[in-house]
Each structure stands twice: as structure tokens, then as C-alpha cells.
Protein backbone atom coordinates (compact mmCIF):
# COMPACT_ATOMS: atom_id res chain seq x y z
CA UNK A 1 -27.39 -0.09 -7.51
CA UNK A 2 -25.27 -2.26 -6.96
CA UNK A 3 -23.61 -5.13 -7.73
CA UNK A 4 -22.31 -8.43 -5.46
CA UNK A 5 -19.58 -10.72 -7.31
CA UNK A 6 -18.32 -13.78 -4.78
CA UNK A 7 -15.35 -15.66 -6.42
CA UNK A 8 -13.83 -18.90 -5.26
CA UNK A 9 -11.68 -17.63 -1.96
CA UNK A 10 -14.94 -16.32 -1.25
CA UNK A 11 -13.55 -12.97 -0.77
CA UNK A 12 -17.19 -10.67 -1.48
CA UNK A 13 -16.60 -8.15 -3.73
CA UNK A 14 -19.64 -5.18 -3.91
CA UNK A 15 -19.01 -2.72 -6.74
CA UNK A 16 -20.23 1.05 -6.89
CA UNK A 17 -17.95 2.55 -9.32
CA UNK A 18 -14.85 0.94 -7.37
CA UNK A 19 -14.17 -2.63 -6.04
CA UNK A 20 -13.97 -3.47 -2.55
CA UNK A 21 -12.67 -6.46 -1.28
CA UNK A 22 -14.07 -7.89 1.48
CA UNK A 23 -11.43 -10.24 3.83
CA UNK A 24 -12.97 -11.37 7.08
CA UNK A 25 -13.06 -8.26 8.47
CA UNK A 26 -11.06 -6.07 6.46
CA UNK A 27 -12.49 -3.97 3.15
CA UNK A 28 -9.71 -3.83 0.66
CA UNK A 29 -9.70 -1.34 -1.86
CA UNK A 30 -6.70 -0.32 -4.90
CA UNK A 31 -6.73 2.75 -7.12
CA UNK A 32 -4.72 4.16 -9.57
CA UNK A 33 -3.35 7.52 -9.43
CA UNK A 34 -0.91 9.44 -11.48
CA UNK A 35 2.07 8.34 -9.52
CA UNK A 36 1.13 5.65 -7.56
CA UNK A 37 -1.12 2.41 -6.72
CA UNK A 38 -3.20 3.40 -3.66
CA UNK A 39 -4.69 0.32 -1.58
CA UNK A 40 -7.00 1.08 1.20
CA UNK A 41 -7.42 -1.36 4.18
CA UNK A 42 -10.16 -0.36 6.63
CA UNK A 43 -11.50 -2.79 9.84
CA UNK A 44 -9.31 -5.12 11.30
CA UNK A 45 -5.79 -6.79 10.55
CA UNK A 46 -5.50 -9.92 12.01
CA UNK A 47 -4.33 -14.03 12.17
CA UNK A 48 -8.04 -14.53 11.00
CA UNK A 49 -7.45 -12.21 7.20
CA UNK A 50 -3.95 -11.53 7.49
CA UNK A 51 -2.82 -14.03 4.52
CA UNK A 52 -5.96 -13.39 2.31
CA UNK A 53 -4.89 -9.94 3.15
CA UNK A 54 -1.46 -10.69 1.65
CA UNK A 55 -2.24 -12.35 -1.38
CA UNK A 56 -4.69 -9.77 -2.98
CA UNK A 57 -2.03 -6.59 -1.64
CA UNK A 58 0.82 -8.73 -3.45
CA UNK A 59 -1.13 -8.47 -6.74
CA UNK A 60 -0.97 -4.96 -7.12
CA UNK A 61 3.26 -4.70 -6.91
CA UNK A 62 4.26 -3.98 -10.59
CA UNK A 63 7.47 -3.51 -11.48
CA UNK A 64 8.35 0.41 -11.13
CA UNK A 65 5.23 1.52 -10.00
CA UNK A 66 5.13 2.74 -6.99
CA UNK A 67 2.47 2.05 -4.07
CA UNK A 68 0.79 3.62 -1.00
CA UNK A 69 -0.54 1.00 1.42
CA UNK A 70 -2.64 3.24 3.09
CA UNK A 71 -3.95 1.77 6.63
CA UNK A 72 -5.09 4.76 8.49
CA UNK A 73 -8.87 3.19 8.74
CA UNK A 74 -7.27 0.04 10.34
CA UNK A 75 -9.18 -0.77 13.53
CA UNK A 76 -7.57 -3.78 15.15
CA UNK A 77 -3.82 -4.71 13.74
CA UNK A 78 -2.85 -8.15 15.74
CA UNK A 79 0.88 -9.01 15.31
CA UNK A 80 0.57 -11.43 12.56
CA UNK A 81 0.33 -7.79 10.79
CA UNK A 82 3.93 -6.79 10.64
CA UNK A 83 4.00 -10.29 8.17
CA UNK A 84 2.10 -8.64 6.11
CA UNK A 85 3.91 -5.72 6.21
CA UNK A 86 7.56 -7.84 5.21
CA UNK A 87 6.51 -9.66 2.63
CA UNK A 88 4.80 -6.92 1.19
CA UNK A 89 8.32 -4.97 1.85
CA UNK A 90 10.02 -8.14 0.17
CA UNK A 91 8.33 -8.07 -2.34
CA UNK A 92 8.40 -4.27 -3.33
CA UNK A 93 12.28 -4.77 -3.22
CA UNK A 94 12.30 -7.39 -4.88
CA UNK A 95 10.29 -6.12 -7.81
CA UNK A 96 12.32 -2.13 -7.73
CA UNK A 97 9.03 -0.63 -6.64
CA UNK A 98 8.69 2.11 -4.12
CA UNK A 99 6.79 2.06 -1.65
CA UNK A 100 4.92 3.96 0.92
CA UNK A 101 2.68 2.82 4.25
CA UNK A 102 0.23 5.46 5.92
CA UNK A 103 -0.12 4.05 9.33
CA UNK A 104 -3.29 4.28 11.89
CA UNK A 105 -3.48 4.63 15.05
CA UNK A 106 -4.42 0.89 15.67
CA UNK A 107 -1.00 0.15 13.34
CA UNK A 108 1.07 2.64 14.82
CA UNK A 109 0.21 1.71 17.96
CA UNK A 110 2.30 -2.08 17.37
CA UNK A 111 4.95 -0.91 15.28
CA UNK A 112 6.13 1.40 18.08
CA UNK A 113 6.99 -1.31 19.81
CA UNK A 114 9.52 -2.77 17.46
CA UNK A 115 13.41 -1.43 17.15
CA UNK A 116 14.08 0.81 14.41
CA UNK A 117 15.64 -1.94 12.20
CA UNK A 118 11.55 -3.15 11.77
CA UNK A 119 10.72 0.74 10.53
CA UNK A 120 9.18 0.81 7.09
CA UNK A 121 8.85 3.61 4.73
CA UNK A 122 6.31 5.99 6.28
CA UNK A 123 3.90 9.19 5.08
CA UNK A 124 1.32 11.07 7.65
CA UNK A 125 -1.54 11.23 5.03
CA UNK A 126 -1.77 9.53 0.61
CA UNK A 127 -1.61 13.12 0.23
CA UNK A 128 1.92 13.46 1.81
CA UNK A 129 3.18 10.19 -0.43
CA UNK A 130 2.19 11.28 -3.65
CA UNK A 131 4.18 14.70 -2.99
CA UNK A 132 6.78 13.04 -1.80
CA UNK A 133 6.80 11.10 -5.27
CA UNK A 134 6.88 13.85 -7.16
CA UNK A 135 9.04 15.80 -5.60
CA UNK A 136 11.09 12.95 -6.13
CA UNK A 137 10.34 12.45 -9.88
CA UNK A 138 11.04 16.41 -9.97
CA UNK A 139 14.46 15.82 -8.70
CA UNK A 140 15.30 13.09 -10.56
CA UNK A 141 14.64 15.28 -14.21
CA UNK A 142 16.57 17.85 -12.83
CA UNK A 143 19.85 15.34 -12.48
CA UNK A 144 19.13 14.27 -15.50
CA UNK A 145 19.01 17.81 -17.45
CA UNK A 146 22.12 18.07 -18.11
CA UNK A 147 22.46 14.81 -19.86
CA UNK A 148 19.65 16.79 -22.75
CA UNK A 149 21.89 20.05 -23.31
CA UNK A 150 23.51 20.35 -26.81
CA UNK A 151 27.21 21.32 -26.58
CA UNK A 152 28.14 23.43 -28.41
């Protein structure tokens, strides 16, 4: 059974275990994993929905909580979508939040046209991004371990 909720912004949320927000041709789903918040966007990202998507995604930039933005299911990525990534990157930097982008073919094609200065932190899959976060946590723990050893 599905529960449907319509919000003021006319986004439709269908509840079947996990909520999905419809944003004019794109579906957004966010869920919390042990190491990060994973936001998955499917469908198209263009000038008609980029503001709504940006507003929705930015709500998940929480201090010190890593973020993974999975765009592997995006079927159409217009240049307006780069604005979404730039805003998210700026918010994450300001909040001190580590984030990773999972590109799909449509996103990679457009981002490949930009110079090296416009690169975002990427991984090939959500699993790879989460493994990298876990490895980073392990390295930080190892670096801190000598500080907690007792001296005789």
C-alpha cells in the first residue's frame, strides 16, 4: 500500500518503505547509511527542476555528516545541473562536510567538457564512496592512536 502526500511546493512524495520526492521529471530519495547520507536522483535534471532539486538536496548538508550524491540514474543532465553541483559543493565546504558525486553517463558526458578546475570529488559507485569514507575513518583512527597510549 502506498501513501501519497502533496506538499506546498507541489512535490509528490510516495511512501513505500522509503520516501521519494518527485521534482518535475526527477525522483529524489535520501537515506542515511552508517557512514554517510546517500541522496539518489533519477530521471532528468534541467532548468525546470534544478532549483527545486537544489533546495531539496541542500537540506541534507549536515555538519560533519558525509554526503554521497548518486546521479548514476540521471537520464538527462542539462548545463543547469552544474549549478546544483556548484551550490552543493559550496554548502559542503562551508559546513565542513565531505561529499562525493556518483556520475552517470549523462552527467559524465557534460562534466567531461569542463576544465580540470571544475572537478568535483567522485567515485564510481555508492559502495566505492562508502568504502573510501570507511578507509578515511580508519586512517584517522590510526593517526590518533599514539595520542591515547599511556606513557610509563
